[in-house]
N, C-alpha and C. Protein backbone atom coordinates (compact mmCIF):
# COMPACT_ATOMS: atom_id res chain seq x y z
N MET A 1 6.91 13.59 18.63
CA MET A 1 6.85 12.82 17.10
C MET A 1 5.35 11.57 17.30
N ALA A 2 5.09 11.89 17.06
CA ALA A 2 3.69 10.96 16.18
C ALA A 2 4.17 9.50 15.63
N THR A 3 4.06 8.78 16.52
CA THR A 3 3.87 7.12 16.29
C THR A 3 3.35 6.99 14.53
N ALA A 4 3.92 6.22 13.12
CA ALA A 4 3.38 6.01 12.22
C ALA A 4 2.68 3.73 12.63
N LEU A 5 1.52 4.42 11.97
CA LEU A 5 0.35 3.79 12.37
C LEU A 5 0.79 2.66 11.79
N THR A 6 0.36 1.11 11.34
CA THR A 6 1.11 -0.15 10.85
C THR A 6 0.23 0.30 10.48
N PHE A 7 0.05 -1.37 8.94
CA PHE A 7 -0.75 -1.51 7.79
C PHE A 7 -2.01 -1.91 8.18
N GLY A 8 -2.54 -2.49 9.61
CA GLY A 8 -3.64 -2.85 9.98
C GLY A 8 -5.10 -1.74 11.25
N GLN A 9 -3.58 -0.51 11.97
CA GLN A 9 -4.79 0.47 12.43
C GLN A 9 -5.02 1.23 10.93
N PHE A 10 -4.01 1.60 10.14
CA PHE A 10 -4.24 2.19 9.26
C PHE A 10 -5.52 1.60 8.53
N VAL A 11 -5.40 0.05 7.46
CA VAL A 11 -6.96 0.11 7.25
C VAL A 11 -8.10 -0.01 8.17
N ARG A 12 -8.00 -0.21 9.25
CA ARG A 12 -9.00 -0.14 10.18
C ARG A 12 -10.11 2.10 9.76
N GLU A 13 -8.06 2.28 10.22
CA GLU A 13 -8.88 3.77 10.60
C GLU A 13 -9.64 4.76 8.41
N ALA A 14 -9.31 3.63 7.78
CA ALA A 14 -9.57 3.73 6.39
C ALA A 14 -11.10 4.08 6.08
N ARG A 15 -11.42 2.23 7.11
CA ARG A 15 -12.20 1.70 6.51
C ARG A 15 -13.74 2.24 7.75
N LEU A 16 -13.35 2.73 8.71
CA LEU A 16 -13.88 3.69 9.64
C LEU A 16 -14.66 4.97 9.03
N ALA A 17 -13.25 5.63 9.41
CA ALA A 17 -13.32 6.48 7.98
C ALA A 17 -14.37 6.84 7.67
N LYS A 18 -14.76 5.57 6.59
CA LYS A 18 -15.78 5.74 5.69
C LYS A 18 -17.31 5.44 5.69
N ALA A 19 -16.69 4.51 6.83
CA ALA A 19 -18.03 3.71 6.96
C ALA A 19 -18.89 4.80 7.45
N GLU A 20 -18.26 5.65 8.29
CA GLU A 20 -18.25 6.51 9.82
C GLU A 20 -20.68 6.58 8.69
N GLY A 21 -20.02 7.15 6.65
CA GLY A 21 -21.19 7.88 6.15
C GLY A 21 -21.30 7.17 5.15
N ASP A 22 -21.87 5.44 5.34
CA ASP A 22 -22.13 4.36 4.79
C ASP A 22 -21.44 3.96 5.32
N ARG A 23 -22.94 2.74 4.82
CA ARG A 23 -22.80 0.93 5.76
C ARG A 23 -22.12 0.21 4.86
N ALA A 24 -21.72 0.50 3.96
CA ALA A 24 -21.38 -0.59 2.60
C ALA A 24 -19.66 -0.61 3.46
N PHE A 25 -18.76 0.27 4.36
CA PHE A 25 -17.98 -0.30 5.14
C PHE A 25 -17.90 -0.20 6.56
N SER A 26 -18.81 -1.83 5.95
CA SER A 26 -18.64 -2.39 7.41
C SER A 26 -17.62 -2.94 7.27
N LEU A 27 -17.17 -3.87 8.34
CA LEU A 27 -16.15 -5.26 8.42
C LEU A 27 -16.46 -4.99 7.93
N ARG A 28 -17.51 -6.36 8.01
CA ARG A 28 -18.16 -7.57 7.36
C ARG A 28 -18.60 -8.22 6.13
N LYS A 29 -19.32 -6.59 5.32
CA LYS A 29 -19.57 -6.12 3.73
C LYS A 29 -17.68 -5.25 2.89
N ILE A 30 -17.11 -4.95 2.98
CA ILE A 30 -15.73 -4.66 2.90
C ILE A 30 -15.05 -6.42 2.97
N ALA A 31 -15.15 -7.48 4.37
CA ALA A 31 -14.21 -8.76 3.83
C ALA A 31 -14.58 -9.15 2.75
N GLU A 32 -16.88 -9.37 2.44
CA GLU A 32 -16.89 -9.74 1.65
C GLU A 32 -17.16 -9.09 0.46
N LYS A 33 -16.36 -7.81 0.11
CA LYS A 33 -16.32 -7.62 -1.31
C LYS A 33 -14.40 -8.05 -2.13
N VAL A 34 -13.81 -7.95 -1.21
CA VAL A 34 -12.23 -8.42 -0.95
C VAL A 34 -11.98 -10.03 -1.00
N GLY A 35 -13.00 -10.97 -0.44
CA GLY A 35 -12.86 -12.52 -0.76
C GLY A 35 -12.90 -12.61 0.64
N ILE A 36 -12.24 -12.19 1.47
CA ILE A 36 -11.97 -12.59 2.80
C ILE A 36 -12.51 -12.78 4.30
N GLU A 37 -12.92 -13.65 5.20
CA GLU A 37 -13.69 -14.37 6.46
C GLU A 37 -13.82 -12.59 7.08
N PRO A 38 -14.59 -11.72 7.24
CA PRO A 38 -14.60 -10.83 8.11
C PRO A 38 -13.98 -11.48 9.66
N SER A 39 -13.62 -11.93 10.36
CA SER A 39 -12.86 -12.73 11.77
C SER A 39 -11.54 -12.39 11.38
N TYR A 40 -11.20 -12.05 10.25
CA TYR A 40 -9.43 -12.96 9.67
C TYR A 40 -9.10 -11.15 9.15
N LEU A 41 -9.92 -10.08 8.18
CA LEU A 41 -9.96 -8.54 8.16
C LEU A 41 -10.45 -7.68 9.82
N SER A 42 -10.64 -8.73 10.52
CA SER A 42 -10.81 -8.38 11.84
C SER A 42 -9.43 -8.08 12.80
N LYS A 43 -8.79 -9.25 12.04
CA LYS A 43 -7.22 -9.55 13.44
C LYS A 43 -6.56 -9.05 12.55
N VAL A 44 -6.65 -8.88 11.25
CA VAL A 44 -5.18 -7.92 10.39
C VAL A 44 -5.62 -6.19 11.40
N GLU A 45 -6.43 -5.89 11.05
CA GLU A 45 -6.48 -4.24 11.19
C GLU A 45 -6.01 -4.80 13.09
N ARG A 46 -6.81 -5.45 13.57
CA ARG A 46 -5.91 -4.95 15.47
C ARG A 46 -4.65 -5.61 14.97
N ASP A 47 -4.16 -6.41 13.92
CA ASP A 47 -2.77 -6.79 14.37
C ASP A 47 -2.17 -8.03 15.07
N GLU A 48 -3.33 -8.18 14.71
CA GLU A 48 -3.26 -9.46 15.82
C GLU A 48 -2.90 -11.02 13.98
N GLU A 49 -3.47 -10.59 13.11
CA GLU A 49 -2.60 -11.29 11.55
C GLU A 49 -1.55 -10.31 10.39
N PRO A 50 -0.92 -11.22 10.65
CA PRO A 50 0.18 -10.25 9.61
C PRO A 50 -1.19 -9.76 7.51
N PRO A 51 -0.05 -8.91 7.71
CA PRO A 51 -0.79 -8.39 6.47
C PRO A 51 -1.56 -8.96 5.88
N PRO A 52 -2.36 -9.19 4.85
CA PRO A 52 -2.40 -10.27 3.64
C PRO A 52 -1.40 -10.11 2.64
N GLY A 53 -2.42 -11.13 1.58
CA GLY A 53 -1.37 -11.43 0.79
C GLY A 53 -1.78 -9.92 -0.71
N GLU A 54 -0.65 -10.42 -1.57
CA GLU A 54 -1.15 -8.84 -2.50
C GLU A 54 -2.48 -8.39 -3.38
N GLY A 55 -3.14 -9.79 -4.03
CA GLY A 55 -4.03 -9.33 -4.56
C GLY A 55 -4.66 -9.34 -3.38
N VAL A 56 -5.35 -9.65 -2.36
CA VAL A 56 -6.34 -8.66 -1.50
C VAL A 56 -5.87 -7.64 -1.22
N ILE A 57 -5.41 -7.05 -0.33
CA ILE A 57 -3.98 -4.97 -0.19
C ILE A 57 -5.03 -4.58 -1.61
N ARG A 58 -4.44 -5.02 -2.63
CA ARG A 58 -4.58 -4.36 -3.97
C ARG A 58 -6.97 -4.35 -4.43
N LYS A 59 -7.05 -5.48 -3.85
CA LYS A 59 -8.43 -5.28 -3.47
C LYS A 59 -8.98 -3.93 -2.25
N LEU A 60 -8.73 -3.88 -1.25
CA LEU A 60 -8.99 -3.44 0.38
C LEU A 60 -8.51 -1.83 -0.56
N ALA A 61 -7.40 -1.57 -1.64
CA ALA A 61 -6.60 -0.34 -1.83
C ALA A 61 -7.95 -0.35 -2.09
N HIS A 62 -7.99 -0.97 -2.97
CA HIS A 62 -9.83 -0.48 -3.98
C HIS A 62 -10.95 0.29 -3.77
N GLU A 63 -11.04 -0.55 -2.94
CA GLU A 63 -12.03 0.13 -1.69
C GLU A 63 -12.56 1.05 -0.93
N LEU A 64 -10.92 1.43 0.01
CA LEU A 64 -10.89 2.30 0.29
C LEU A 64 -10.71 3.27 -0.44
N SER A 65 -9.71 3.78 -1.18
CA SER A 65 -9.67 4.21 -2.24
C SER A 65 -8.26 4.64 -1.70
N GLU A 66 -7.33 4.38 -1.37
CA GLU A 66 -6.43 3.72 -0.92
C GLU A 66 -4.87 4.07 -2.61
N ASP A 67 -4.26 4.06 -2.03
CA ASP A 67 -3.00 3.79 -2.72
C ASP A 67 -2.77 2.61 -2.45
N ALA A 68 -2.58 1.84 -3.70
CA ALA A 68 -2.29 -0.29 -3.61
C ALA A 68 -0.77 -0.08 -3.52
N ASP A 69 -0.11 1.19 -4.12
CA ASP A 69 1.53 0.75 -3.60
C ASP A 69 1.93 1.13 -1.27
N VAL A 70 1.18 2.19 -1.49
CA VAL A 70 1.30 2.49 -0.04
C VAL A 70 1.11 1.38 0.62
N LEU A 71 -0.23 0.93 0.16
CA LEU A 71 -0.53 -0.19 1.70
C LEU A 71 0.58 -1.36 1.21
N LEU A 72 1.11 -1.99 0.24
CA LEU A 72 1.70 -1.99 -0.30
C LEU A 72 3.27 -2.14 1.10
N ALA A 73 3.43 -1.14 1.03
CA ALA A 73 4.95 -1.12 1.73
C ALA A 73 4.24 -0.89 3.40
N MET A 74 3.76 -0.85 3.44
CA MET A 74 3.29 -0.88 4.40
C MET A 74 2.63 -1.59 5.07
N ALA A 75 2.29 -3.26 3.82
CA ALA A 75 2.56 -4.13 4.86
C ALA A 75 4.01 -5.24 4.78
N GLY A 76 5.17 -4.32 3.79
CA GLY A 76 6.95 -5.01 4.37
C GLY A 76 7.11 -5.64 2.59
N LYS A 77 5.22 -5.45 1.14
CA LYS A 77 5.67 -5.47 0.55
C LYS A 77 5.64 -4.17 -0.69
N VAL A 78 6.50 -5.27 -1.53
CA VAL A 78 5.99 -4.72 -2.93
C VAL A 78 5.84 -5.17 -3.49
N SER A 79 4.81 -4.63 -4.24
CA SER A 79 4.05 -5.12 -6.22
C SER A 79 4.81 -5.77 -7.05
N SER A 80 3.80 -6.83 -7.13
CA SER A 80 5.33 -8.01 -8.09
C SER A 80 5.40 -7.42 -10.17
N ASP A 81 4.56 -6.03 -9.96
CA ASP A 81 4.70 -5.41 -11.25
C ASP A 81 6.19 -4.65 -11.05
N LEU A 82 6.25 -4.18 -8.74
CA LEU A 82 7.97 -3.85 -10.48
C LEU A 82 8.51 -5.16 -9.32
N GLN A 83 8.48 -6.14 -8.90
CA GLN A 83 9.15 -6.67 -8.57
C GLN A 83 10.36 -7.79 -10.11
N ALA A 84 9.23 -7.90 -10.71
CA ALA A 84 9.67 -8.57 -12.44
C ALA A 84 10.76 -6.00 -12.54
N ILE A 85 10.52 -5.13 -12.23
CA ILE A 85 11.46 -5.25 -13.32
C ILE A 85 12.61 -4.55 -12.43
N ILE A 86 12.62 -4.80 -11.47
CA ILE A 86 13.47 -5.40 -9.81
C ILE A 86 14.38 -6.74 -11.38
N ARG A 87 13.90 -7.38 -11.28
CA ARG A 87 15.21 -8.41 -11.17
C ARG A 87 15.34 -8.57 -12.58
N LYS A 88 15.16 -7.79 -13.40
CA LYS A 88 16.10 -7.08 -15.02
C LYS A 88 16.90 -6.29 -14.71
N ARG A 89 17.00 -5.67 -13.84
CA ARG A 89 17.68 -5.06 -13.52
C ARG A 89 18.71 -4.61 -11.83
N PRO A 90 18.86 -5.80 -11.18
CA PRO A 90 18.98 -5.26 -10.20
C PRO A 90 19.81 -4.56 -9.37
N ARG A 91 21.45 -4.78 -9.93
CA ARG A 91 21.80 -4.18 -9.50
C ARG A 91 21.61 -2.50 -10.31
N LEU A 92 21.10 -2.06 -10.90
CA LEU A 92 20.17 -0.66 -11.27
C LEU A 92 19.61 -0.28 -10.41
N PHE A 93 19.12 -1.25 -10.41
CA PHE A 93 17.79 -0.64 -9.31
C PHE A 93 18.40 -0.36 -7.79
N ALA A 94 19.00 -1.66 -7.64
CA ALA A 94 19.45 -0.76 -6.38
C ALA A 94 20.10 0.54 -5.90
N ASP A 95 20.78 0.08 -6.28
CA ASP A 95 21.79 1.13 -6.91
C ASP A 95 21.02 3.20 -6.48
N LEU A 96 20.29 2.91 -7.26
CA LEU A 96 19.01 3.97 -7.72
C LEU A 96 18.09 4.79 -6.88
N ILE A 97 17.44 2.87 -6.12
CA ILE A 97 17.07 3.76 -4.76
C ILE A 97 17.91 4.06 -4.30
N ARG A 98 18.87 3.67 -3.72
CA ARG A 98 20.00 3.82 -2.90
C ARG A 98 20.21 5.36 -2.80
N GLN A 99 20.32 5.67 -3.72
CA GLN A 99 20.46 7.01 -4.36
C GLN A 99 19.92 7.86 -4.18
N LEU A 100 18.72 7.78 -4.28
CA LEU A 100 17.26 8.46 -4.06
C LEU A 100 16.75 8.38 -2.87
N LYS A 101 17.70 7.80 -1.64
CA LYS A 101 16.50 8.03 -0.42
C LYS A 101 17.06 8.84 0.46
N ALA A 102 18.43 9.54 -0.57
CA ALA A 102 18.55 11.00 0.84
C ALA A 102 18.64 12.14 -0.28
N MET A 103 17.08 12.41 -0.50
CA MET A 103 16.40 13.07 -1.97
C MET A 103 15.71 13.12 -0.91
N PRO A 104 15.66 15.24 -1.38
CA PRO A 104 13.66 15.38 -0.67
C PRO A 104 13.13 15.78 -1.57
N ASP A 105 11.84 14.48 -1.45
CA ASP A 105 10.66 14.97 -2.63
C ASP A 105 10.43 15.29 -3.31
N HIS A 106 10.73 16.59 -3.36
CA HIS A 106 10.63 17.73 -4.82
C HIS A 106 11.79 17.42 -5.65
N ALA A 107 12.49 16.87 -4.91
CA ALA A 107 14.08 17.19 -6.02
C ALA A 107 13.34 15.22 -6.51
N VAL A 108 12.83 14.24 -5.73
CA VAL A 108 12.50 12.80 -6.91
C VAL A 108 11.24 12.86 -8.05
N LEU A 109 9.90 14.46 -7.86
CA LEU A 109 8.91 13.98 -7.83
C LEU A 109 9.22 15.00 -9.35
N GLN A 110 10.62 15.71 -9.34
CA GLN A 110 11.29 16.26 -10.68
C GLN A 110 11.78 15.66 -11.78
N LEU A 111 12.57 14.73 -10.86
CA LEU A 111 13.57 13.35 -11.96
C LEU A 111 11.92 11.88 -12.78
N VAL A 112 10.55 11.81 -11.37
CA VAL A 112 10.16 11.30 -11.96
C VAL A 112 9.41 11.86 -13.31
N ARG A 113 9.24 12.59 -13.25
CA ARG A 113 8.09 13.03 -13.87
C ARG A 113 9.52 13.91 -15.21
N GLU A 114 10.64 15.05 -15.17
CA GLU A 114 11.22 14.45 -16.90
C GLU A 114 11.56 12.51 -16.57
N VAL A 115 11.89 11.90 -16.17
CA VAL A 115 11.40 10.53 -17.49
C VAL A 115 10.16 9.96 -17.29
N ARG A 116 8.94 10.57 -17.43
CA ARG A 116 7.40 10.02 -17.95
C ARG A 116 7.34 11.24 -19.07
N ASP A 117 8.52 12.50 -18.42
CA ASP A 117 8.08 13.03 -19.32
C ASP A 117 9.29 12.79 -21.11
N GLY A 118 10.21 11.89 -20.71
CA GLY A 118 11.43 11.59 -22.38
C GLY A 118 12.24 13.75 -22.42
N GLN A 119 12.20 13.47 -21.09
CA GLN A 119 13.16 14.76 -21.49
C GLN A 119 14.22 14.41 -20.26
N TRP A 120 15.97 13.67 -21.55
CA TRP A 120 15.97 13.38 -20.33
C TRP A 120 17.44 14.38 -21.97
């Protein structure tokens, strides 16, 4: 059974995969684009520092063409827009999420599509 990558490992692997074909994905250039020091990004990638805040994670996701919500989850964070939604009806959303955890992915996707399409 394969172990899941940490946030840092995932970011490093995603960046290195892109760096193979494009020098714009060097550690130094990506750090510059997201507004952090290269040494800090290096430490994050080696799990010597905890993941950065939401804003930097969103910028990393954009630069690496990754899903920001996935990176936030890997960092143990929830996006501020989702937090605001949950805060409005915390009991309801807590129950919903707990009920969804046992459902297979295809069932959750079907539910999402129905809600998005207004078919309920």
